Amino acid sequence: MRTFILGTDWGSDCDDVVAVRILTRAVHAGKIRLAGVIINHVMTDSAASLDGFLHREGLKDVPIGIDKKARDLTERVSYQKRLAQYAVRYKSNEDAEDGVKLYRRLLAQAEDKVEIAEIGFLHVVADLLESEADEISPLTGRELVRDKVARIWSMAGKWDEDGGREYNIFCTPCTRAGAYAFVESCPVPVTFLGFEIGADVISGRGLAKDDLLYAAMCDHGSPNGRLSWDPMLADLAVTGDAEVAGYTAVQGTARIDRETGANHFTEDAAGLHSYVVRKYDPAWYEARLERAILSE
């Protein structure tokens, strides 16, 4: 069974919650194992709200890590208070392990290679890559990723134009520097799903009114569904095959401008990076996502 670690800017948009729903349903279907979640956009109730949602989704033993450095990111609370009331293991951010430490621990303990699905900012993964040997592992972060990670799936960038700029990369100086460092130093294949992929695909329309996911989307102000950047990345990662998931993959080498956050791409059959291009109209993906969200 494939094992995933999820990275998320949990709280800045409700598409993260929809993506987590897709992953939890994939766990229950026996498709994947979720080894841990690292939150890279920390707010007051980040750990508690994620813990509460995971417990309500039937996942009670998933460790949570957070970015302990509390970077230059703003707090935009929407659904956190509601979900935090269901917290069991993580009642506050203090209960969560440092994100880089948790990444290192999960990778060091992994018997087989894992995959990372990143639906948020890239600076914590970049910190992982730059981490030194410690009591957890004699390997550096780059060595751990090289030895223990099969692929990273990332919702980031805008790849339909040279010099495109997308929020998960250009948001702040921290996120720009993190994305730059990640792209330059990551030693394993990375598949990017860009802004353009989910910008006209709506997910979360068919939810029952008593579904906690529906309540979270209402708290965000999206009772009729939300654009589907993170859910589409989650579905792509779970599927594990771009063609099957409805995309054409373009292989090559990505570059990030550290100052502006603009992305660039050079096609190369031997490159470690790829981005996906949609093959179908929005309705095809909306139907696919609804099946993933509502599946038991």
C-alpha atoms as a PDB file:
ATOM      1  CA  MET A   1       0.000   0.000   0.000  1.00  0.00           C
ATOM      2  CA  ARG A   2       1.264   3.480  -0.863  1.00  0.00           C
ATOM      3  CA  THR A   3       2.019   5.730   2.112  1.00  0.00           C
ATOM      4  CA  PHE A   4       1.588   9.511   2.107  1.00  0.00           C
ATOM      5  CA  ILE A   5       2.667  12.434   4.238  1.00  0.00           C
ATOM      6  CA  LEU A   6       0.471  15.490   3.691  1.00  0.00           C
ATOM      7  CA  GLY A   7       1.673  19.081   3.868  1.00  0.00           C
ATOM      8  CA  THR A   8      -1.047  21.730   4.068  1.00  0.00           C
ATOM      9  CA  ASP A   9      -1.629  25.441   4.681  1.00  0.00           C
ATOM     10  CA  TRP A  10      -4.681  24.278   6.643  1.00  0.00           C
ATOM     11  CA  GLY A  11      -6.994  27.166   7.403  1.00  0.00           C
ATOM     12  CA  SER A  12      -6.302  29.663   4.642  1.00  0.00           C
ATOM     13  CA  ASP A  13      -8.941  28.154   2.335  1.00  0.00           C
ATOM     14  CA  CYS A  14     -11.557  25.430   2.595  1.00  0.00           C
ATOM     15  CA  ASP A  15     -10.216  23.526  -0.407  1.00  0.00           C
ATOM     16  CA  ASP A  16      -7.690  22.045   2.042  1.00  0.00           C
ATOM     17  CA  VAL A  17     -10.570  20.472   3.973  1.00  0.00           C
ATOM     18  CA  VAL A  18     -12.038  19.030   0.777  1.00  0.00           C
ATOM     19  CA  ALA A  19      -8.595  17.607  -0.083  1.00  0.00           C
ATOM     20  CA  VAL A  20      -8.274  16.012   3.350  1.00  0.00           C
ATOM     21  CA  ARG A  21     -11.727  14.462   2.885  1.00  0.00           C
ATOM     22  CA  ILE A  22     -10.521  12.873  -0.367  1.00  0.00           C
ATOM     23  CA  LEU A  23      -7.458  11.490   1.382  1.00  0.00           C
ATOM     24  CA  THR A  24      -9.416  10.103   4.344  1.00  0.00           C
ATOM     25  CA  ARG A  25     -11.874   8.367   2.005  1.00  0.00           C
ATOM     26  CA  ALA A  26      -8.908   6.903   0.114  1.00  0.00           C
ATOM     27  CA  VAL A  27      -7.548   5.586   3.428  1.00  0.00           C
ATOM     28  CA  HIS A  28     -10.856   3.931   4.284  1.00  0.00           C
ATOM     29  CA  ALA A  29     -11.012   2.438   0.786  1.00  0.00           C
ATOM     30  CA  GLY A  30      -7.634   0.787   1.374  1.00  0.00           C
ATOM     31  CA  LYS A  31      -5.941   2.775  -1.395  1.00  0.00           C
ATOM     32  CA  ILE A  32      -3.372   4.637   0.736  1.00  0.00           C
ATOM     33  CA  ARG A  33      -2.025   5.022   4.252  1.00  0.00           C
ATOM     34  CA  LEU A  34      -1.706   8.521   5.749  1.00  0.00           C
ATOM     35  CA  ALA A  35       1.412   8.542   7.932  1.00  0.00           C
ATOM     36  CA  GLY A  36       1.210  12.149   9.122  1.00  0.00           C
ATOM     37  CA  VAL A  37       0.213  15.736   8.364  1.00  0.00           C
ATOM     38  CA  ILE A  38       2.405  18.830   8.587  1.00  0.00           C
ATOM     39  CA  ILE A  39       0.721  22.249   8.793  1.00  0.00           C
ATOM     40  CA  ASN A  40       2.770  25.017   7.184  1.00  0.00           C
ATOM     41  CA  HIS A  41       0.422  27.958   7.855  1.00  0.00           C
ATOM     42  CA  VAL A  42      -0.065  28.063  11.610  1.00  0.00           C
ATOM     43  CA  MET A  43      -3.036  29.783  13.265  1.00  0.00           C
ATOM     44  CA  THR A  44      -4.339  29.647  16.824  1.00  0.00           C
ATOM     45  CA  ASP A  45      -6.474  26.529  16.354  1.00  0.00           C
ATOM     46  CA  SER A  46      -4.515  24.861  13.548  1.00  0.00           C
ATOM     47  CA  ALA A  47      -3.573  21.597  15.235  1.00  0.00           C
ATOM     48  CA  ALA A  48      -6.836  21.279  17.152  1.00  0.00           C
ATOM     49  CA  SER A  49      -9.045  21.894  14.122  1.00  0.00           C
ATOM     50  CA  LEU A  50      -7.149  19.422  11.947  1.00  0.00           C
ATOM     51  CA  ASP A  51      -7.181  16.840  14.730  1.00  0.00           C
ATOM     52  CA  GLY A  52     -10.912  17.366  15.189  1.00  0.00           C
ATOM     53  CA  PHE A  53     -11.647  16.881  11.499  1.00  0.00           C
ATOM     54  CA  LEU A  54      -9.429  13.795  11.224  1.00  0.00           C
ATOM     55  CA  HIS A  55     -11.156  12.239  14.226  1.00  0.00           C
ATOM     56  CA  ARG A  56     -14.594  12.939  12.777  1.00  0.00           C
ATOM     57  CA  GLU A  57     -13.354  11.336   9.554  1.00  0.00           C
ATOM     58  CA  GLY A  58     -12.374   8.195  11.457  1.00  0.00           C
ATOM     59  CA  LEU A  59      -8.592   8.697  11.474  1.00  0.00           C
ATOM     60  CA  LYS A  60      -7.573   8.787  15.127  1.00  0.00           C
ATOM     61  CA  ASP A  61      -3.858   8.037  15.089  1.00  0.00           C
ATOM     62  CA  VAL A  62      -2.430  10.416  12.495  1.00  0.00           C
ATOM     63  CA  PRO A  63       0.433  12.505  13.955  1.00  0.00           C
ATOM     64  CA  ILE A  64       0.347  16.247  13.315  1.00  0.00           C
ATOM     65  CA  GLY A  65       3.326  18.561  12.986  1.00  0.00           C
ATOM     66  CA  ILE A  66       3.342  22.326  12.604  1.00  0.00           C
ATOM     67  CA  ASP A  67       5.736  25.031  11.490  1.00  0.00           C
ATOM     68  CA  LYS A  68       7.090  26.066  14.888  1.00  0.00           C
ATOM     69  CA  LYS A  69       8.845  29.103  13.415  1.00  0.00           C
ATOM     70  CA  ALA A  70       5.502  30.923  12.950  1.00  0.00           C
ATOM     71  CA  ARG A  71       6.501  32.637   9.724  1.00  0.00           C
ATOM     72  CA  ASP A  72       5.260  35.875   8.148  1.00  0.00           C
ATOM     73  CA  LEU A  73       1.823  34.534   7.285  1.00  0.00           C
ATOM     74  CA  THR A  74      -1.478  36.129   8.234  1.00  0.00           C
ATOM     75  CA  GLU A  75      -4.272  34.602  10.301  1.00  0.00           C
ATOM     76  CA  ARG A  76      -7.529  34.321   8.380  1.00  0.00           C
ATOM     77  CA  VAL A  77      -9.779  32.214  10.559  1.00  0.00           C
ATOM     78  CA  SER A  78     -12.890  30.617   9.075  1.00  0.00           C
ATOM     79  CA  TYR A  79     -13.703  27.022  10.055  1.00  0.00           C
ATOM     80  CA  GLN A  80     -11.022  26.397  12.693  1.00  0.00           C
ATOM     81  CA  LYS A  81     -13.122  27.155  15.786  1.00  0.00           C
ATOM     82  CA  ARG A  82     -15.898  24.806  14.688  1.00  0.00           C
ATOM     83  CA  LEU A  83     -13.562  21.903  13.934  1.00  0.00           C
ATOM     84  CA  ALA A  84     -11.380  22.451  17.017  1.00  0.00           C
ATOM     85  CA  GLN A  85     -14.241  21.481  19.328  1.00  0.00           C
ATOM     86  CA  TYR A  86     -13.839  17.875  18.118  1.00  0.00           C
ATOM     87  CA  ALA A  87     -10.108  17.710  18.935  1.00  0.00           C
ATOM     88  CA  VAL A  88      -8.946  14.720  20.974  1.00  0.00           C
ATOM     89  CA  ARG A  89      -5.159  14.346  20.782  1.00  0.00           C
ATOM     90  CA  TYR A  90      -4.108  17.875  19.852  1.00  0.00           C
ATOM     91  CA  LYS A  91      -5.935  20.447  21.959  1.00  0.00           C
ATOM     92  CA  SER A  92      -3.454  23.218  21.054  1.00  0.00           C
ATOM     93  CA  ASN A  93      -0.507  23.854  18.765  1.00  0.00           C
ATOM     94  CA  GLU A  94       1.802  23.104  21.682  1.00  0.00           C
ATOM     95  CA  ASP A  95       0.726  19.462  21.470  1.00  0.00           C
ATOM     96  CA  ALA A  96       2.046  19.158  17.904  1.00  0.00           C
ATOM     97  CA  GLU A  97       5.613  18.269  17.019  1.00  0.00           C
ATOM     98  CA  ASP A  98       7.829  20.590  14.998  1.00  0.00           C
ATOM     99  CA  GLY A  99       7.065  19.979  11.325  1.00  0.00           C
ATOM    100  CA  VAL A 100      10.631  19.263  10.218  1.00  0.00           C
ATOM    101  CA  LYS A 101      11.144  16.907  13.169  1.00  0.00           C
ATOM    102  CA  LEU A 102       7.980  14.993  12.277  1.00  0.00           C
ATOM    103  CA  TYR A 103       9.009  14.770   8.625  1.00  0.00           C
ATOM    104  CA  ARG A 104      12.403  13.410   9.677  1.00  0.00           C
ATOM    105  CA  ARG A 105      10.883  10.949  12.127  1.00  0.00           C
ATOM    106  CA  LEU A 106       8.323   9.604   9.649  1.00  0.00           C
ATOM    107  CA  LEU A 107      10.910   9.227   6.905  1.00  0.00           C
ATOM    108  CA  ALA A 108      13.482   7.608   9.206  1.00  0.00           C
ATOM    109  CA  GLN A 109      10.886   5.081  10.379  1.00  0.00           C
ATOM    110  CA  ALA A 110       9.543   4.291   6.908  1.00  0.00           C
ATOM    111  CA  GLU A 111      10.344   0.763   5.738  1.00  0.00           C
ATOM    112  CA  ASP A 112       9.409   1.533   2.141  1.00  0.00           C
ATOM    113  CA  LYS A 113       9.487   4.741   0.163  1.00  0.00           C
ATOM    114  CA  VAL A 114       6.662   7.191   0.862  1.00  0.00           C
ATOM    115  CA  GLU A 115       5.123  10.020  -1.152  1.00  0.00           C
ATOM    116  CA  ILE A 116       4.549  13.604  -0.050  1.00  0.00           C
ATOM    117  CA  ALA A 117       1.409  15.459  -1.128  1.00  0.00           C
ATOM    118  CA  GLU A 118       1.880  19.193  -0.580  1.00  0.00           C
ATOM    119  CA  ILE A 119      -1.192  21.420  -0.911  1.00  0.00           C
ATOM    120  CA  GLY A 120       0.278  24.436   0.834  1.00  0.00           C
ATOM    121  CA  PHE A 121       3.511  26.381   1.079  1.00  0.00           C
ATOM    122  CA  LEU A 122       6.864  24.753   0.369  1.00  0.00           C
ATOM    123  CA  HIS A 123       9.082  26.316   3.035  1.00  0.00           C
ATOM    124  CA  VAL A 124       8.760  23.487   5.587  1.00  0.00           C
ATOM    125  CA  VAL A 125       9.694  20.866   2.982  1.00  0.00           C
ATOM    126  CA  ALA A 126      12.600  23.133   2.032  1.00  0.00           C
ATOM    127  CA  ASP A 127      13.626  23.242   5.718  1.00  0.00           C
ATOM    128  CA  LEU A 128      13.454  19.441   5.767  1.00  0.00           C
ATOM    129  CA  LEU A 129      15.824  19.276   2.801  1.00  0.00           C
ATOM    130  CA  GLU A 130      18.245  21.635   4.553  1.00  0.00           C
ATOM    131  CA  SER A 131      18.080  19.846   7.922  1.00  0.00           C
ATOM    132  CA  GLU A 132      21.188  18.274   9.422  1.00  0.00           C
ATOM    133  CA  ALA A 133      21.731  14.842  10.936  1.00  0.00           C
ATOM    134  CA  ASP A 134      20.306  14.591  14.453  1.00  0.00           C
ATOM    135  CA  GLU A 135      19.132  12.144  17.099  1.00  0.00           C
ATOM    136  CA  ILE A 136      16.364  10.974  14.747  1.00  0.00           C
ATOM    137  CA  SER A 137      18.614  10.003  11.846  1.00  0.00           C
ATOM    138  CA  PRO A 138      22.303  10.213  10.899  1.00  0.00           C
ATOM    139  CA  LEU A 139      21.167  11.331   7.432  1.00  0.00           C
ATOM    140  CA  THR A 140      20.697  14.914   6.326  1.00  0.00           C
ATOM    141  CA  GLY A 141      17.262  15.942   5.173  1.00  0.00           C
ATOM    142  CA  ARG A 142      18.264  15.761   1.537  1.00  0.00           C
ATOM    143  CA  GLU A 143      19.613  12.260   2.078  1.00  0.00           C
ATOM    144  CA  LEU A 144      16.437  11.179   3.867  1.00  0.00           C
ATOM    145  CA  VAL A 145      14.267  12.471   1.041  1.00  0.00           C
ATOM    146  CA  ARG A 146      16.545  10.850  -1.548  1.00  0.00           C
ATOM    147  CA  ASP A 147      16.373   7.481   0.204  1.00  0.00           C
ATOM    148  CA  LYS A 148      12.811   7.468   1.560  1.00  0.00           C
ATOM    149  CA  VAL A 149      10.612   9.541  -0.800  1.00  0.00           C
ATOM    150  CA  ALA A 150       9.416   8.201  -4.147  1.00  0.00           C
ATOM    151  CA  ARG A 151       7.747  11.391  -5.415  1.00  0.00           C
ATOM    152  CA  ILE A 152       6.397  14.739  -4.241  1.00  0.00           C
ATOM    153  CA  TRP A 153       3.045  16.002  -5.535  1.00  0.00           C
ATOM    154  CA  SER A 154       2.665  19.768  -5.156  1.00  0.00           C
ATOM    155  CA  MET A 155      -0.198  22.170  -5.760  1.00  0.00           C
ATOM    156  CA  ALA A 156       1.926  25.177  -6.675  1.00  0.00           C
ATOM    157  CA  GLY A 157       2.803  27.372  -9.614  1.00  0.00           C
ATOM    158  CA  LYS A 158       1.031  28.601 -12.727  1.00  0.00           C
ATOM    159  CA  TRP A 159       2.444  26.648 -15.608  1.00  0.00           C
ATOM    160  CA  ASP A 160       0.286  27.771 -18.537  1.00  0.00           C
ATOM    161  CA  GLU A 161       2.512  30.822 -18.968  1.00  0.00           C
ATOM    162  CA  ASP A 162       6.204  31.523 -18.549  1.00  0.00           C
ATOM    163  CA  GLY A 163       6.671  33.741 -15.525  1.00  0.00           C
ATOM    164  CA  GLY A 164       3.334  32.732 -13.994  1.00  0.00           C
ATOM    165  CA  ARG A 165       2.789  33.539 -10.334  1.00  0.00           C
ATOM    166  CA  GLU A 166       0.674  31.517  -7.898  1.00  0.00           C
ATOM    167  CA  TYR A 167      -0.213  32.130  -4.236  1.00  0.00           C
ATOM    168  CA  ASN A 168       1.478  29.094  -2.680  1.00  0.00           C
ATOM    169  CA  ILE A 169       4.757  30.337  -4.096  1.00  0.00           C
ATOM    170  CA  PHE A 170       4.617  34.154  -4.228  1.00  0.00           C
ATOM    171  CA  CYS A 171       2.612  34.813  -1.024  1.00  0.00           C
ATOM    172  CA  THR A 172       5.451  36.160   1.154  1.00  0.00           C
ATOM    173  CA  PRO A 173       9.260  36.440   1.111  1.00  0.00           C
ATOM    174  CA  CYS A 174       9.292  33.230   3.184  1.00  0.00           C
ATOM    175  CA  THR A 175       7.184  31.243   0.715  1.00  0.00           C
ATOM    176  CA  ARG A 176       9.156  32.551  -2.271  1.00  0.00           C
ATOM    177  CA  ALA A 177      12.468  31.614  -0.669  1.00  0.00           C
ATOM    178  CA  GLY A 178      11.096  28.222   0.371  1.00  0.00           C
ATOM    179  CA  ALA A 179       9.792  27.400  -3.107  1.00  0.00           C
ATOM    180  CA  TYR A 180      13.093  28.470  -4.658  1.00  0.00           C
ATOM    181  CA  ALA A 181      15.117  26.301  -2.254  1.00  0.00           C
ATOM    182  CA  PHE A 182      12.774  23.347  -2.714  1.00  0.00           C
ATOM    183  CA  VAL A 183      12.968  23.371  -6.502  1.00  0.00           C
ATOM    184  CA  GLU A 184      16.737  23.822  -6.488  1.00  0.00           C
ATOM    185  CA  SER A 185      17.583  21.081  -3.989  1.00  0.00           C
ATOM    186  CA  CYS A 186      14.864  18.390  -4.093  1.00  0.00           C
ATOM    187  CA  PRO A 187      16.528  15.137  -5.264  1.00  0.00           C
ATOM    188  CA  VAL A 188      13.354  13.225  -6.184  1.00  0.00           C
ATOM    189  CA  PRO A 189      10.681  13.640  -8.884  1.00  0.00           C
ATOM    190  CA  VAL A 190       8.151  16.434  -8.313  1.00  0.00           C
ATOM    191  CA  THR A 191       4.785  16.709 -10.072  1.00  0.00           C
ATOM    192  CA  PHE A 192       3.184  20.156  -9.969  1.00  0.00           C
ATOM    193  CA  LEU A 193      -0.518  20.880 -10.379  1.00  0.00           C
ATOM    194  CA  GLY A 194      -0.840  24.577 -11.141  1.00  0.00           C
ATOM    195  CA  PHE A 195      -3.369  27.303 -10.451  1.00  0.00           C
ATOM    196  CA  GLU A 196      -4.807  27.008 -13.956  1.00  0.00           C
ATOM    197  CA  ILE A 197      -5.917  23.404 -13.355  1.00  0.00           C
ATOM    198  CA  GLY A 198      -8.459  24.102 -10.623  1.00  0.00           C
ATOM    199  CA  ALA A 199      -9.430  27.684 -11.430  1.00  0.00           C
ATOM    200  CA  ASP A 200     -12.772  26.755 -13.028  1.00  0.00           C
ATOM    201  CA  VAL A 201     -13.540  23.384 -11.419  1.00  0.00           C
ATOM    202  CA  ILE A 202     -15.979  23.429  -8.479  1.00  0.00           C
ATOM    203  CA  SER A 203     -16.028  20.738  -5.792  1.00  0.00           C
ATOM    204  CA  GLY A 204     -18.190  20.230  -2.719  1.00  0.00           C
ATOM    205  CA  ARG A 205     -21.576  20.940  -4.297  1.00  0.00           C
ATOM    206  CA  GLY A 206     -23.223  17.633  -3.443  1.00  0.00           C
ATOM    207  CA  LEU A 207     -22.632  17.546   0.309  1.00  0.00           C
ATOM    208  CA  ALA A 208     -25.367  16.728   2.787  1.00  0.00           C
ATOM    209  CA  LYS A 209     -26.306  19.581   5.110  1.00  0.00           C
ATOM    210  CA  ASP A 210     -25.281  17.535   8.163  1.00  0.00           C
ATOM    211  CA  ASP A 211     -21.812  16.814   6.756  1.00  0.00           C
ATOM    212  CA  LEU A 212     -19.059  18.491   8.793  1.00  0.00           C
ATOM    213  CA  LEU A 213     -17.269  19.292   5.544  1.00  0.00           C
ATOM    214  CA  TYR A 214     -20.333  21.238   4.410  1.00  0.00           C
ATOM    215  CA  ALA A 215     -20.280  23.194   7.698  1.00  0.00           C
ATOM    216  CA  ALA A 216     -16.604  24.022   7.200  1.00  0.00           C
ATOM    217  CA  MET A 217     -17.272  25.237   3.678  1.00  0.00           C
ATOM    218  CA  CYS A 218     -20.139  27.397   4.924  1.00  0.00           C
ATOM    219  CA  ASP A 219     -17.851  28.898   7.560  1.00  0.00           C
ATOM    220  CA  HIS A 220     -15.448  29.792   4.772  1.00  0.00           C
ATOM    221  CA  GLY A 221     -18.272  31.389   2.781  1.00  0.00           C
ATOM    222  CA  SER A 222     -18.443  28.634   0.150  1.00  0.00           C
ATOM    223  CA  PRO A 223     -21.755  26.794   0.746  1.00  0.00           C
ATOM    224  CA  ASN A 224     -22.162  26.086  -2.965  1.00  0.00           C
ATOM    225  CA  GLY A 225     -18.728  24.602  -3.497  1.00  0.00           C
ATOM    226  CA  ARG A 226     -15.205  25.919  -3.938  1.00  0.00           C
ATOM    227  CA  LEU A 227     -12.550  26.039  -6.633  1.00  0.00           C
ATOM    228  CA  SER A 228     -10.640  22.809  -6.607  1.00  0.00           C
ATOM    229  CA  TRP A 229      -6.877  23.340  -6.573  1.00  0.00           C
ATOM    230  CA  ASP A 230      -6.128  21.191  -3.506  1.00  0.00           C
ATOM    231  CA  PRO A 231      -8.774  18.514  -4.130  1.00  0.00           C
ATOM    232  CA  MET A 232      -7.453  18.002  -7.656  1.00  0.00           C
ATOM    233  CA  LEU A 233      -3.920  17.587  -6.300  1.00  0.00           C
ATOM    234  CA  ALA A 234      -5.163  15.092  -3.715  1.00  0.00           C
ATOM    235  CA  ASP A 235      -7.014  13.103  -6.373  1.00  0.00           C
ATOM    236  CA  LEU A 236      -3.989  13.156  -8.695  1.00  0.00           C
ATOM    237  CA  ALA A 237      -1.681  11.980  -5.912  1.00  0.00           C
ATOM    238  CA  VAL A 238      -4.015   9.177  -4.791  1.00  0.00           C
ATOM    239  CA  THR A 239      -4.441   8.030  -8.395  1.00  0.00           C
ATOM    240  CA  GLY A 240      -0.683   8.109  -8.868  1.00  0.00           C
ATOM    241  CA  ASP A 241      -0.889   8.328 -12.644  1.00  0.00           C
ATOM    242  CA  ALA A 242      -1.429  11.611 -14.490  1.00  0.00           C
ATOM    243  CA  GLU A 243      -3.005   9.981 -17.552  1.00  0.00           C
ATOM    244  CA  VAL A 244      -5.516   7.996 -15.501  1.00  0.00           C
ATOM    245  CA  ALA A 245      -6.385  11.110 -13.491  1.00  0.00           C
ATOM    246  CA  GLY A 246      -7.146  13.026 -16.706  1.00  0.00           C
ATOM    247  CA  TYR A 247      -3.923  14.883 -17.447  1.00  0.00           C
ATOM    248  CA  THR A 248      -0.962  15.058 -19.751  1.00  0.00           C
ATOM    249  CA  ALA A 249       2.321  15.430 -17.873  1.00  0.00           C
ATOM    250  CA  VAL A 250       4.986  17.779 -19.249  1.00  0.00           C
ATOM    251  CA  GLN A 251       8.477  16.710 -18.162  1.00  0.00           C
ATOM    252  CA  GLY A 252      11.394  19.047 -17.561  1.00  0.00           C
ATOM    253  CA  THR A 253      13.048  21.369 -15.073  1.00  0.00           C
ATOM    254  CA  ALA A 254      11.222  24.039 -13.068  1.00  0.00           C
ATOM    255  CA  ARG A 255      12.785  27.262 -11.819  1.00  0.00           C
ATOM    256  CA  ILE A 256      11.431  29.788  -9.302  1.00  0.00           C
ATOM    257  CA  ASP A 257      12.467  33.435  -9.163  1.00  0.00           C
ATOM    258  CA  ARG A 258      13.373  33.930  -5.510  1.00  0.00           C
ATOM    259  CA  GLU A 259      12.498  37.638  -5.562  1.00  0.00           C
ATOM    260  CA  THR A 260       9.186  37.615  -7.435  1.00  0.00           C
ATOM    261  CA  GLY A 261       7.955  34.025  -7.080  1.00  0.00           C
ATOM    262  CA  ALA A 262       7.541  33.718 -10.855  1.00  0.00           C
ATOM    263  CA  ASN A 263       7.816  30.177 -12.200  1.00  0.00           C
ATOM    264  CA  HIS A 264       9.639  29.078 -15.337  1.00  0.00           C
ATOM    265  CA  PHE A 265       9.934  25.692 -17.013  1.00  0.00           C
ATOM    266  CA  THR A 266      12.288  24.080 -19.519  1.00  0.00           C
ATOM    267  CA  GLU A 267      11.036  20.899 -21.161  1.00  0.00           C
ATOM    268  CA  ASP A 268      13.468  17.996 -20.854  1.00  0.00           C
ATOM    269  CA  ALA A 269      12.656  14.290 -20.989  1.00  0.00           C
ATOM    270  CA  ALA A 270      15.346  13.692 -18.342  1.00  0.00           C
ATOM    271  CA  GLY A 271      14.122  16.414 -15.959  1.00  0.00           C
ATOM    272  CA  LEU A 272      13.036  15.670 -12.388  1.00  0.00           C
ATOM    273  CA  HIS A 273      10.020  17.974 -12.575  1.00  0.00           C
ATOM    274  CA  SER A 274       6.703  17.821 -14.371  1.00  0.00           C
ATOM    275  CA  TYR A 275       3.475  19.782 -14.471  1.00  0.00           C
ATOM    276  CA  VAL A 276       0.073  18.545 -15.590  1.00  0.00           C
ATOM    277  CA  VAL A 277      -2.236  19.795 -18.334  1.00  0.00           C
ATOM    278  CA  ARG A 278      -5.957  18.989 -18.329  1.00  0.00           C
ATOM    279  CA  LYS A 279      -7.316  16.723 -21.062  1.00  0.00           C
ATOM    280  CA  TYR A 280     -11.039  17.240 -20.409  1.00  0.00           C
ATOM    281  CA  ASP A 281     -13.594  19.932 -19.647  1.00  0.00           C
ATOM    282  CA  PRO A 282     -14.342  21.068 -16.055  1.00  0.00           C
ATOM    283  CA  ALA A 283     -17.451  18.878 -15.734  1.00  0.00           C
ATOM    284  CA  TRP A 284     -15.341  15.716 -16.122  1.00  0.00           C
ATOM    285  CA  TYR A 285     -13.184  16.646 -13.132  1.00  0.00           C
ATOM    286  CA  GLU A 286     -16.140  17.846 -11.080  1.00  0.00           C
ATOM    287  CA  ALA A 287     -17.816  14.456 -11.445  1.00  0.00           C
ATOM    288  CA  ARG A 288     -14.577  12.688 -10.574  1.00  0.00           C
ATOM    289  CA  LEU A 289     -14.049  14.805  -7.462  1.00  0.00           C
ATOM    290  CA  GLU A 290     -17.626  14.318  -6.294  1.00  0.00           C
ATOM    291  CA  ARG A 291     -17.142  10.555  -6.447  1.00  0.00           C
ATOM    292  CA  ALA A 292     -13.943  10.863  -4.378  1.00  0.00           C
ATOM    293  CA  ILE A 293     -15.532  13.203  -1.829  1.00  0.00           C
ATOM    294  CA  LEU A 294     -18.736  11.224  -1.309  1.00  0.00           C
ATOM    295  CA  SER A 295     -17.330   7.691  -1.535  1.00  0.00           C
ATOM    296  CA  GLU A 296     -17.631   5.577   1.604  1.00  0.00           C
END
